[in-house]
Amino acid sequence: MELTLGVLALLEAKPDKAAEMREFLIGGKAVVDQEPGTRTWYAFQIDDTHFGIFDTFADEDARQAHLNGAIPQALGEVGPNLLAKDPELNTVDLLAVKHEGGD
């Protein structure tokens, strides 16, 4: 099934909470592994305090299931403690995708 939709979340951690933010994101993979509609999920670090999540979906139902799922809920719970400001959340339409399969 073709990947057509995505979500890009940009996160800014409080300077003294960057290590905790990093660990939160690493731990998030186990949660997302349980979401069959989330086709790819990337957690990344841009610099000392800036992080992000990018995930892809084949349809809107899967994207909405993810947006209403465990990761956003957990982020809502830890966000006030870890984040310097509210996350920047963007839904995106994918224009082109290269995927070679495998992990």
N, C-alpha and C. Protein backbone atom coordinates (compact mmCIF):
# COMPACT_ATOMS: atom_id res chain seq x y z
N MET A 1 0.85 -1.18 0.00
CA MET A 1 0.00 0.00 0.00
C MET A 1 0.89 1.24 0.00
N GLU A 2 0.56 2.19 -0.79
CA GLU A 2 1.36 3.40 -0.94
C GLU A 2 1.22 4.30 0.28
N LEU A 3 2.34 4.90 0.67
CA LEU A 3 2.33 5.86 1.77
C LEU A 3 1.99 7.23 1.21
N THR A 4 0.92 7.82 1.70
CA THR A 4 0.46 9.09 1.15
C THR A 4 0.37 10.21 2.17
N LEU A 5 0.40 9.88 3.46
CA LEU A 5 0.17 10.87 4.50
C LEU A 5 1.25 10.78 5.57
N GLY A 6 1.48 11.89 6.25
CA GLY A 6 2.47 11.90 7.31
C GLY A 6 2.09 12.87 8.41
N VAL A 7 2.87 12.79 9.47
CA VAL A 7 2.79 13.73 10.58
C VAL A 7 4.22 14.11 10.93
N LEU A 8 4.46 15.41 11.08
CA LEU A 8 5.74 15.93 11.51
C LEU A 8 5.52 16.72 12.78
N ALA A 9 6.13 16.27 13.86
CA ALA A 9 6.05 16.97 15.14
C ALA A 9 7.44 17.47 15.50
N LEU A 10 7.54 18.76 15.79
CA LEU A 10 8.80 19.36 16.20
C LEU A 10 8.69 19.72 17.68
N LEU A 11 9.71 19.34 18.44
CA LEU A 11 9.67 19.46 19.89
C LEU A 11 10.90 20.19 20.39
N GLU A 12 10.71 21.12 21.33
CA GLU A 12 11.83 21.81 21.95
C GLU A 12 11.83 21.48 23.43
N ALA A 13 12.86 20.78 23.87
CA ALA A 13 12.97 20.39 25.27
C ALA A 13 13.54 21.54 26.10
N LYS A 14 13.16 21.58 27.35
CA LYS A 14 13.82 22.49 28.28
C LYS A 14 15.29 22.06 28.34
N PRO A 15 16.22 23.01 28.43
CA PRO A 15 17.65 22.64 28.38
C PRO A 15 18.05 21.56 29.40
N ASP A 16 17.49 21.59 30.58
CA ASP A 16 17.85 20.60 31.59
C ASP A 16 17.05 19.30 31.46
N LYS A 17 16.18 19.21 30.46
CA LYS A 17 15.34 18.03 30.26
C LYS A 17 15.61 17.32 28.93
N ALA A 18 16.64 17.75 28.20
CA ALA A 18 16.91 17.17 26.88
C ALA A 18 17.19 15.68 26.95
N ALA A 19 17.95 15.24 27.95
CA ALA A 19 18.25 13.81 28.06
C ALA A 19 16.98 13.00 28.32
N GLU A 20 16.08 13.54 29.13
CA GLU A 20 14.81 12.85 29.39
C GLU A 20 13.94 12.82 28.13
N MET A 21 13.96 13.90 27.37
CA MET A 21 13.19 13.94 26.12
C MET A 21 13.71 12.88 25.16
N ARG A 22 15.03 12.78 25.07
CA ARG A 22 15.66 11.77 24.21
C ARG A 22 15.20 10.37 24.61
N GLU A 23 15.23 10.06 25.88
CA GLU A 23 14.83 8.74 26.36
C GLU A 23 13.34 8.49 26.14
N PHE A 24 12.53 9.51 26.31
CA PHE A 24 11.10 9.38 26.04
C PHE A 24 10.86 8.98 24.59
N LEU A 25 11.56 9.64 23.68
CA LEU A 25 11.38 9.33 22.25
C LEU A 25 11.89 7.94 21.91
N ILE A 26 13.02 7.56 22.46
CA ILE A 26 13.54 6.21 22.20
C ILE A 26 12.55 5.17 22.70
N GLY A 27 11.99 5.39 23.86
CA GLY A 27 10.99 4.46 24.41
C GLY A 27 9.69 4.43 23.63
N GLY A 28 9.42 5.50 22.89
CA GLY A 28 8.19 5.56 22.10
C GLY A 28 8.10 4.53 21.00
N LYS A 29 9.24 4.04 20.53
CA LYS A 29 9.21 3.05 19.45
C LYS A 29 8.43 1.80 19.85
N ALA A 30 8.58 1.36 21.08
CA ALA A 30 7.85 0.16 21.53
C ALA A 30 6.34 0.38 21.48
N VAL A 31 5.91 1.60 21.75
CA VAL A 31 4.48 1.92 21.70
C VAL A 31 4.00 1.91 20.25
N VAL A 32 4.74 2.57 19.38
CA VAL A 32 4.34 2.67 17.97
C VAL A 32 4.41 1.32 17.27
N ASP A 33 5.28 0.44 17.74
CA ASP A 33 5.33 -0.91 17.17
C ASP A 33 3.99 -1.62 17.27
N GLN A 34 3.13 -1.19 18.18
CA GLN A 34 1.82 -1.80 18.38
C GLN A 34 0.73 -1.16 17.50
N GLU A 35 1.10 -0.18 16.68
CA GLU A 35 0.13 0.51 15.82
C GLU A 35 0.28 0.01 14.38
N PRO A 36 -0.57 -0.90 13.95
CA PRO A 36 -0.40 -1.46 12.60
C PRO A 36 -0.55 -0.44 11.47
N GLY A 37 -1.27 0.64 11.71
CA GLY A 37 -1.47 1.63 10.66
C GLY A 37 -0.34 2.63 10.52
N THR A 38 0.54 2.68 11.52
CA THR A 38 1.71 3.56 11.44
C THR A 38 2.78 2.79 10.69
N ARG A 39 3.01 3.18 9.45
CA ARG A 39 3.88 2.40 8.57
C ARG A 39 5.36 2.67 8.82
N THR A 40 5.72 3.93 9.03
CA THR A 40 7.09 4.26 9.44
C THR A 40 6.99 5.28 10.57
N TRP A 41 7.99 5.27 11.44
CA TRP A 41 8.03 6.19 12.57
C TRP A 41 9.49 6.50 12.85
N TYR A 42 9.81 7.77 12.85
CA TYR A 42 11.17 8.21 13.11
C TYR A 42 11.15 9.20 14.26
N ALA A 43 12.00 8.99 15.24
CA ALA A 43 12.24 9.98 16.28
C ALA A 43 13.67 10.46 16.05
N PHE A 44 13.86 11.78 16.06
CA PHE A 44 15.19 12.30 15.75
C PHE A 44 15.54 13.50 16.62
N GLN A 45 16.84 13.78 16.69
CA GLN A 45 17.35 14.92 17.43
C GLN A 45 18.05 15.85 16.45
N ILE A 46 17.71 17.14 16.51
CA ILE A 46 18.27 18.13 15.60
C ILE A 46 19.50 18.79 16.21
N ASP A 47 19.39 19.18 17.47
CA ASP A 47 20.52 19.77 18.19
C ASP A 47 20.31 19.48 19.67
N ASP A 48 20.96 20.22 20.55
CA ASP A 48 20.90 19.90 21.98
C ASP A 48 19.49 19.85 22.55
N THR A 49 18.60 20.71 22.11
CA THR A 49 17.26 20.76 22.71
C THR A 49 16.11 20.57 21.72
N HIS A 50 16.41 20.43 20.43
CA HIS A 50 15.35 20.30 19.43
C HIS A 50 15.27 18.86 18.92
N PHE A 51 14.05 18.33 18.94
CA PHE A 51 13.78 16.95 18.57
C PHE A 51 12.60 16.93 17.60
N GLY A 52 12.34 15.77 17.05
CA GLY A 52 11.19 15.64 16.18
C GLY A 52 10.73 14.21 16.05
N ILE A 53 9.53 14.08 15.54
CA ILE A 53 8.94 12.78 15.19
C ILE A 53 8.35 12.93 13.80
N PHE A 54 8.63 11.95 12.94
CA PHE A 54 8.02 11.93 11.62
C PHE A 54 7.49 10.53 11.40
N ASP A 55 6.23 10.42 11.02
CA ASP A 55 5.63 9.12 10.76
C ASP A 55 4.79 9.18 9.50
N THR A 56 4.57 7.98 8.92
CA THR A 56 3.83 7.91 7.66
C THR A 56 2.70 6.89 7.75
N PHE A 57 1.71 7.12 6.87
CA PHE A 57 0.48 6.33 6.88
C PHE A 57 -0.03 6.15 5.46
N ALA A 58 -0.78 5.08 5.25
CA ALA A 58 -1.35 4.83 3.93
C ALA A 58 -2.72 5.48 3.77
N ASP A 59 -3.39 5.81 4.89
CA ASP A 59 -4.71 6.42 4.78
C ASP A 59 -5.00 7.29 6.00
N GLU A 60 -6.05 8.08 5.86
CA GLU A 60 -6.40 9.04 6.91
C GLU A 60 -6.86 8.35 8.20
N ASP A 61 -7.53 7.21 8.09
CA ASP A 61 -7.96 6.49 9.29
C ASP A 61 -6.76 6.10 10.15
N ALA A 62 -5.69 5.63 9.51
CA ALA A 62 -4.50 5.24 10.26
C ALA A 62 -3.84 6.46 10.89
N ARG A 63 -3.79 7.56 10.14
CA ARG A 63 -3.18 8.77 10.70
C ARG A 63 -3.98 9.25 11.91
N GLN A 64 -5.30 9.26 11.80
CA GLN A 64 -6.13 9.71 12.92
C GLN A 64 -6.01 8.77 14.12
N ALA A 65 -5.91 7.47 13.86
CA ALA A 65 -5.72 6.52 14.96
C ALA A 65 -4.43 6.83 15.70
N HIS A 66 -3.39 7.16 14.96
CA HIS A 66 -2.11 7.50 15.60
C HIS A 66 -2.23 8.81 16.38
N LEU A 67 -2.83 9.83 15.76
CA LEU A 67 -2.95 11.12 16.42
C LEU A 67 -3.80 11.05 17.69
N ASN A 68 -4.67 10.05 17.77
CA ASN A 68 -5.50 9.85 18.96
C ASN A 68 -4.98 8.72 19.84
N GLY A 69 -3.75 8.28 19.58
CA GLY A 69 -3.19 7.11 20.25
C GLY A 69 -2.29 7.42 21.44
N ALA A 70 -1.48 6.44 21.77
CA ALA A 70 -0.69 6.46 23.00
C ALA A 70 0.45 7.47 22.99
N ILE A 71 1.13 7.67 21.87
CA ILE A 71 2.26 8.60 21.85
C ILE A 71 1.80 10.03 22.10
N PRO A 72 0.82 10.56 21.37
CA PRO A 72 0.36 11.92 21.68
C PRO A 72 -0.18 12.04 23.11
N GLN A 73 -0.84 11.00 23.60
CA GLN A 73 -1.35 11.04 24.96
C GLN A 73 -0.19 11.11 25.96
N ALA A 74 0.82 10.29 25.76
CA ALA A 74 1.98 10.30 26.65
C ALA A 74 2.72 11.63 26.56
N LEU A 75 2.85 12.17 25.36
CA LEU A 75 3.51 13.47 25.18
C LEU A 75 2.73 14.56 25.91
N GLY A 76 1.41 14.48 25.88
CA GLY A 76 0.59 15.44 26.61
C GLY A 76 0.82 15.37 28.11
N GLU A 77 1.12 14.18 28.61
CA GLU A 77 1.36 14.00 30.04
C GLU A 77 2.73 14.50 30.46
N VAL A 78 3.77 14.21 29.68
CA VAL A 78 5.14 14.60 30.05
C VAL A 78 5.53 15.97 29.51
N GLY A 79 4.78 16.46 28.53
CA GLY A 79 5.12 17.72 27.88
C GLY A 79 5.35 18.89 28.82
N PRO A 80 4.45 19.15 29.76
CA PRO A 80 4.67 20.30 30.64
C PRO A 80 5.99 20.22 31.41
N ASN A 81 6.43 19.03 31.71
CA ASN A 81 7.69 18.86 32.45
C ASN A 81 8.91 18.93 31.53
N LEU A 82 8.80 18.38 30.32
CA LEU A 82 9.97 18.25 29.44
C LEU A 82 10.11 19.34 28.40
N LEU A 83 9.02 19.92 27.96
CA LEU A 83 9.06 20.82 26.80
C LEU A 83 9.13 22.29 27.19
N ALA A 84 9.91 23.05 26.42
CA ALA A 84 10.03 24.49 26.62
C ALA A 84 8.81 25.23 26.08
N LYS A 85 8.12 24.63 25.11
CA LYS A 85 6.91 25.22 24.54
C LYS A 85 6.07 24.10 23.96
N ASP A 86 4.86 24.42 23.54
CA ASP A 86 3.97 23.41 22.95
C ASP A 86 4.60 22.83 21.69
N PRO A 87 4.37 21.54 21.43
CA PRO A 87 4.90 20.93 20.20
C PRO A 87 4.31 21.61 18.96
N GLU A 88 5.10 21.64 17.91
CA GLU A 88 4.61 22.10 16.61
C GLU A 88 4.20 20.86 15.83
N LEU A 89 2.92 20.68 15.61
CA LEU A 89 2.39 19.48 14.97
C LEU A 89 1.86 19.83 13.59
N ASN A 90 2.36 19.11 12.59
CA ASN A 90 1.95 19.34 11.20
C ASN A 90 1.52 18.04 10.56
N THR A 91 0.33 18.01 9.95
CA THR A 91 -0.04 16.89 9.11
C THR A 91 0.43 17.24 7.70
N VAL A 92 0.97 16.27 6.99
CA VAL A 92 1.53 16.52 5.67
C VAL A 92 1.01 15.50 4.67
N ASP A 93 0.98 15.90 3.41
CA ASP A 93 0.70 14.99 2.30
C ASP A 93 2.04 14.66 1.66
N LEU A 94 2.31 13.38 1.47
CA LEU A 94 3.57 12.95 0.88
C LEU A 94 3.48 13.04 -0.64
N LEU A 95 4.46 13.68 -1.23
CA LEU A 95 4.47 13.86 -2.68
C LEU A 95 5.25 12.76 -3.38
N ALA A 96 6.30 12.25 -2.76
CA ALA A 96 7.10 11.18 -3.34
C ALA A 96 7.75 10.41 -2.19
N VAL A 97 7.85 9.10 -2.33
CA VAL A 97 8.41 8.24 -1.29
C VAL A 97 9.33 7.22 -1.94
N LYS A 98 10.50 7.05 -1.36
CA LYS A 98 11.40 5.95 -1.75
C LYS A 98 11.44 4.99 -0.57
N HIS A 99 11.13 3.75 -0.82
CA HIS A 99 11.13 2.74 0.24
C HIS A 99 11.67 1.46 -0.37
N GLU A 100 12.71 0.93 0.22
CA GLU A 100 13.31 -0.29 -0.31
C GLU A 100 12.92 -1.54 0.45
N GLY A 101 12.12 -1.39 1.50
CA GLY A 101 11.68 -2.56 2.26
C GLY A 101 12.71 -3.00 3.28
N GLY A 102 12.30 -3.89 4.16
CA GLY A 102 13.18 -4.36 5.22
C GLY A 102 13.29 -3.35 6.33
N ASP A 103 14.02 -3.75 7.37
CA ASP A 103 14.21 -2.85 8.53
C ASP A 103 15.55 -2.17 8.49
